[in-house]
Amino acid sequence: TLVKKFDVLIFDEATSNIDSITENKIMNKLFSLSKNKISMFATHRQNLIKKFDSIIIINNKQVYQFNSLKDFKKNQPQIYKITIPS
């Protein structure tokens, strides 16, 4: 899929069953290959959230969208605490 021309690419839990070192290598390569393209990553991995340009959280039938991790922390502290526990 990545060697073909694409406009939008969606990854659903692409790194859910691998160790963090391998995950970082794969994610860096995916980011490199999808530069200047639209890529969507569905993930439960909290460590990845800081790498995304935009964050969308779906919780209890509510959809929250943020332009950055900073925006996420600042504008929705309740959903942030639920999503990113201390």
N, C-alpha and C. Protein backbone atom coordinates (compact mmCIF):
# COMPACT_ATOMS: atom_id res chain seq x y z
N THR A 1 0.82 -1.20 0.00
CA THR A 1 0.00 0.00 0.00
C THR A 1 0.86 1.26 0.00
N LEU A 2 1.93 1.26 0.75
CA LEU A 2 2.74 2.47 0.89
C LEU A 2 3.54 2.80 -0.36
N VAL A 3 3.80 1.83 -1.23
CA VAL A 3 4.56 2.12 -2.44
C VAL A 3 3.67 2.66 -3.55
N LYS A 4 2.37 2.52 -3.40
CA LYS A 4 1.43 3.07 -4.38
C LYS A 4 1.14 4.53 -4.06
N LYS A 5 0.73 5.26 -5.07
CA LYS A 5 0.33 6.65 -4.85
C LYS A 5 -1.00 6.66 -4.09
N PHE A 6 -1.08 7.50 -3.07
CA PHE A 6 -2.31 7.59 -2.28
C PHE A 6 -2.54 9.02 -1.84
N ASP A 7 -3.80 9.35 -1.61
CA ASP A 7 -4.15 10.67 -1.08
C ASP A 7 -4.45 10.59 0.41
N VAL A 8 -5.10 9.51 0.82
CA VAL A 8 -5.44 9.31 2.22
C VAL A 8 -5.10 7.88 2.59
N LEU A 9 -4.47 7.71 3.73
CA LEU A 9 -4.13 6.38 4.22
C LEU A 9 -4.59 6.28 5.66
N ILE A 10 -5.27 5.18 5.98
CA ILE A 10 -5.81 4.99 7.33
C ILE A 10 -5.14 3.76 7.96
N PHE A 11 -4.61 3.96 9.15
CA PHE A 11 -3.98 2.88 9.91
C PHE A 11 -4.82 2.61 11.15
N ASP A 12 -5.25 1.39 11.32
CA ASP A 12 -6.06 1.03 12.48
C ASP A 12 -5.22 0.14 13.40
N GLU A 13 -4.76 0.71 14.49
CA GLU A 13 -3.94 -0.01 15.46
C GLU A 13 -2.74 -0.68 14.78
N ALA A 14 -2.05 0.08 13.96
CA ALA A 14 -0.94 -0.44 13.15
C ALA A 14 0.22 -0.98 13.97
N THR A 15 0.38 -0.51 15.19
CA THR A 15 1.51 -0.95 16.01
C THR A 15 1.06 -1.53 17.35
N SER A 16 -0.12 -2.09 17.40
CA SER A 16 -0.68 -2.52 18.69
C SER A 16 0.01 -3.71 19.33
N ASN A 17 0.66 -4.56 18.55
CA ASN A 17 1.24 -5.78 19.13
C ASN A 17 2.75 -5.86 18.98
N ILE A 18 3.42 -4.72 19.06
CA ILE A 18 4.88 -4.74 18.95
C ILE A 18 5.50 -3.93 20.08
N ASP A 19 6.78 -4.14 20.28
CA ASP A 19 7.49 -3.43 21.34
C ASP A 19 7.70 -1.96 20.96
N SER A 20 8.04 -1.13 21.92
CA SER A 20 8.14 0.31 21.69
C SER A 20 9.28 0.70 20.75
N ILE A 21 10.38 -0.03 20.77
CA ILE A 21 11.51 0.29 19.88
C ILE A 21 11.11 0.06 18.43
N THR A 22 10.52 -1.09 18.16
CA THR A 22 10.05 -1.40 16.80
C THR A 22 8.94 -0.45 16.39
N GLU A 23 8.05 -0.13 17.33
CA GLU A 23 6.97 0.80 17.05
C GLU A 23 7.52 2.15 16.59
N ASN A 24 8.53 2.67 17.29
CA ASN A 24 9.12 3.96 16.91
C ASN A 24 9.73 3.90 15.51
N LYS A 25 10.40 2.82 15.20
CA LYS A 25 10.99 2.67 13.87
C LYS A 25 9.91 2.65 12.79
N ILE A 26 8.86 1.88 13.03
CA ILE A 26 7.76 1.79 12.05
C ILE A 26 7.05 3.13 11.91
N MET A 27 6.76 3.77 13.03
CA MET A 27 6.04 5.05 12.96
C MET A 27 6.87 6.11 12.26
N ASN A 28 8.15 6.18 12.54
CA ASN A 28 9.02 7.15 11.86
C ASN A 28 9.01 6.91 10.35
N LYS A 29 9.05 5.65 9.94
CA LYS A 29 9.02 5.32 8.52
C LYS A 29 7.66 5.68 7.91
N LEU A 30 6.58 5.39 8.62
CA LEU A 30 5.24 5.73 8.13
C LEU A 30 5.08 7.24 7.98
N PHE A 31 5.58 7.99 8.96
CA PHE A 31 5.52 9.45 8.87
C PHE A 31 6.32 9.95 7.68
N SER A 32 7.47 9.36 7.45
CA SER A 32 8.31 9.75 6.33
C SER A 32 7.63 9.46 4.99
N LEU A 33 7.07 8.27 4.87
CA LEU A 33 6.41 7.87 3.62
C LEU A 33 5.12 8.63 3.34
N SER A 34 4.48 9.10 4.40
CA SER A 34 3.20 9.79 4.22
C SER A 34 3.32 11.30 4.35
N LYS A 35 4.55 11.81 4.28
CA LYS A 35 4.77 13.25 4.35
C LYS A 35 4.00 13.94 3.23
N ASN A 36 3.35 15.05 3.56
CA ASN A 36 2.53 15.82 2.62
C ASN A 36 1.32 15.05 2.12
N LYS A 37 0.91 14.04 2.85
CA LYS A 37 -0.30 13.26 2.55
C LYS A 37 -1.18 13.28 3.79
N ILE A 38 -2.39 12.83 3.62
CA ILE A 38 -3.29 12.70 4.76
C ILE A 38 -3.20 11.27 5.27
N SER A 39 -2.82 11.13 6.52
CA SER A 39 -2.75 9.82 7.17
C SER A 39 -3.52 9.91 8.47
N MET A 40 -4.33 8.89 8.70
CA MET A 40 -5.11 8.82 9.94
C MET A 40 -4.67 7.57 10.69
N PHE A 41 -4.43 7.75 11.98
CA PHE A 41 -4.00 6.64 12.83
C PHE A 41 -5.01 6.45 13.95
N ALA A 42 -5.65 5.29 13.99
CA ALA A 42 -6.49 4.93 15.12
C ALA A 42 -5.60 4.16 16.08
N THR A 43 -5.46 4.67 17.29
CA THR A 43 -4.55 4.03 18.24
C THR A 43 -4.99 4.26 19.67
N HIS A 44 -4.59 3.33 20.52
CA HIS A 44 -4.76 3.49 21.95
C HIS A 44 -3.42 3.80 22.60
N ARG A 45 -2.38 3.91 21.80
CA ARG A 45 -1.04 4.16 22.32
C ARG A 45 -0.87 5.63 22.68
N GLN A 46 -0.82 5.92 23.95
CA GLN A 46 -0.74 7.30 24.42
C GLN A 46 0.57 7.98 24.04
N ASN A 47 1.63 7.22 23.91
CA ASN A 47 2.93 7.81 23.57
C ASN A 47 2.96 8.36 22.14
N LEU A 48 2.05 7.94 21.29
CA LEU A 48 2.03 8.41 19.90
C LEU A 48 1.33 9.75 19.74
N ILE A 49 0.51 10.12 20.67
CA ILE A 49 -0.36 11.30 20.53
C ILE A 49 0.43 12.58 20.28
N LYS A 50 1.62 12.69 20.84
CA LYS A 50 2.43 13.90 20.67
C LYS A 50 2.98 14.06 19.26
N LYS A 51 2.94 13.01 18.47
CA LYS A 51 3.49 13.05 17.11
C LYS A 51 2.48 13.49 16.05
N PHE A 52 1.23 13.59 16.42
CA PHE A 52 0.18 13.87 15.43
C PHE A 52 -0.10 15.36 15.29
N ASP A 53 -0.47 15.77 14.08
CA ASP A 53 -0.80 17.17 13.81
C ASP A 53 -2.17 17.54 14.37
N SER A 54 -3.05 16.58 14.43
CA SER A 54 -4.40 16.81 14.91
C SER A 54 -4.83 15.58 15.71
N ILE A 55 -5.64 15.80 16.73
CA ILE A 55 -6.07 14.72 17.60
C ILE A 55 -7.59 14.71 17.64
N ILE A 56 -8.16 13.54 17.43
CA ILE A 56 -9.60 13.38 17.54
C ILE A 56 -9.86 12.28 18.57
N ILE A 57 -10.64 12.60 19.57
CA ILE A 57 -10.97 11.65 20.64
C ILE A 57 -12.47 11.38 20.56
N ILE A 58 -12.83 10.11 20.61
CA ILE A 58 -14.24 9.73 20.66
C ILE A 58 -14.45 9.06 22.01
N ASN A 59 -15.35 9.65 22.81
CA ASN A 59 -15.59 9.14 24.16
C ASN A 59 -17.06 9.34 24.50
N ASN A 60 -17.72 8.27 24.88
CA ASN A 60 -19.15 8.33 25.25
C ASN A 60 -20.00 9.07 24.22
N LYS A 61 -19.84 8.70 22.96
CA LYS A 61 -20.60 9.27 21.84
C LYS A 61 -20.32 10.75 21.60
N GLN A 62 -19.27 11.28 22.23
CA GLN A 62 -18.84 12.65 22.02
C GLN A 62 -17.56 12.64 21.19
N VAL A 63 -17.45 13.59 20.27
CA VAL A 63 -16.25 13.70 19.44
C VAL A 63 -15.56 15.01 19.80
N TYR A 64 -14.26 14.93 20.08
CA TYR A 64 -13.45 16.09 20.42
C TYR A 64 -12.31 16.18 19.42
N GLN A 65 -12.07 17.37 18.89
CA GLN A 65 -10.96 17.54 17.95
C GLN A 65 -10.06 18.66 18.46
N PHE A 66 -8.73 18.41 18.33
CA PHE A 66 -7.73 19.35 18.80
C PHE A 66 -6.65 19.50 17.74
N ASN A 67 -6.07 20.68 17.66
CA ASN A 67 -5.05 20.96 16.66
C ASN A 67 -3.64 20.56 17.10
N SER A 68 -3.48 20.24 18.36
CA SER A 68 -2.18 19.84 18.87
C SER A 68 -2.36 19.25 20.26
N LEU A 69 -1.30 18.65 20.76
CA LEU A 69 -1.34 18.12 22.13
C LEU A 69 -1.52 19.26 23.12
N LYS A 70 -0.87 20.39 22.87
CA LYS A 70 -1.01 21.57 23.73
C LYS A 70 -2.47 22.04 23.77
N ASP A 71 -3.10 22.10 22.62
CA ASP A 71 -4.51 22.48 22.52
C ASP A 71 -5.39 21.48 23.27
N PHE A 72 -5.07 20.23 23.14
CA PHE A 72 -5.80 19.16 23.82
C PHE A 72 -5.74 19.34 25.33
N LYS A 73 -4.55 19.56 25.86
CA LYS A 73 -4.36 19.74 27.30
C LYS A 73 -5.07 20.99 27.80
N LYS A 74 -4.98 22.06 27.02
CA LYS A 74 -5.49 23.36 27.43
C LYS A 74 -7.03 23.45 27.40
N ASN A 75 -7.65 22.94 26.36
CA ASN A 75 -9.07 23.18 26.13
C ASN A 75 -10.03 22.13 26.65
N GLN A 76 -9.55 20.97 26.95
CA GLN A 76 -10.44 19.93 27.46
C GLN A 76 -9.76 19.15 28.59
N PRO A 77 -9.52 19.80 29.71
CA PRO A 77 -8.78 19.10 30.77
C PRO A 77 -9.47 17.83 31.25
N GLN A 78 -10.80 17.77 31.24
CA GLN A 78 -11.49 16.57 31.71
C GLN A 78 -11.23 15.38 30.78
N ILE A 79 -11.42 15.58 29.48
CA ILE A 79 -11.18 14.49 28.53
C ILE A 79 -9.70 14.14 28.49
N TYR A 80 -8.83 15.12 28.70
CA TYR A 80 -7.39 14.83 28.76
C TYR A 80 -7.07 13.91 29.93
N LYS A 81 -7.64 14.18 31.07
CA LYS A 81 -7.39 13.37 32.26
C LYS A 81 -7.91 11.94 32.08
N ILE A 82 -9.03 11.81 31.39
CA ILE A 82 -9.59 10.48 31.13
C ILE A 82 -8.71 9.72 30.13
N THR A 83 -8.25 10.43 29.10
CA THR A 83 -7.50 9.81 28.02
C THR A 83 -6.05 9.57 28.37
N ILE A 84 -5.42 10.52 29.04
CA ILE A 84 -4.01 10.46 29.39
C ILE A 84 -3.90 10.48 30.92
N PRO A 85 -4.03 9.33 31.57
CA PRO A 85 -3.95 9.34 33.03
C PRO A 85 -2.54 9.66 33.51
N SER A 86 -2.45 10.19 34.70
CA SER A 86 -1.15 10.55 35.29
C SER A 86 -0.28 9.34 35.51
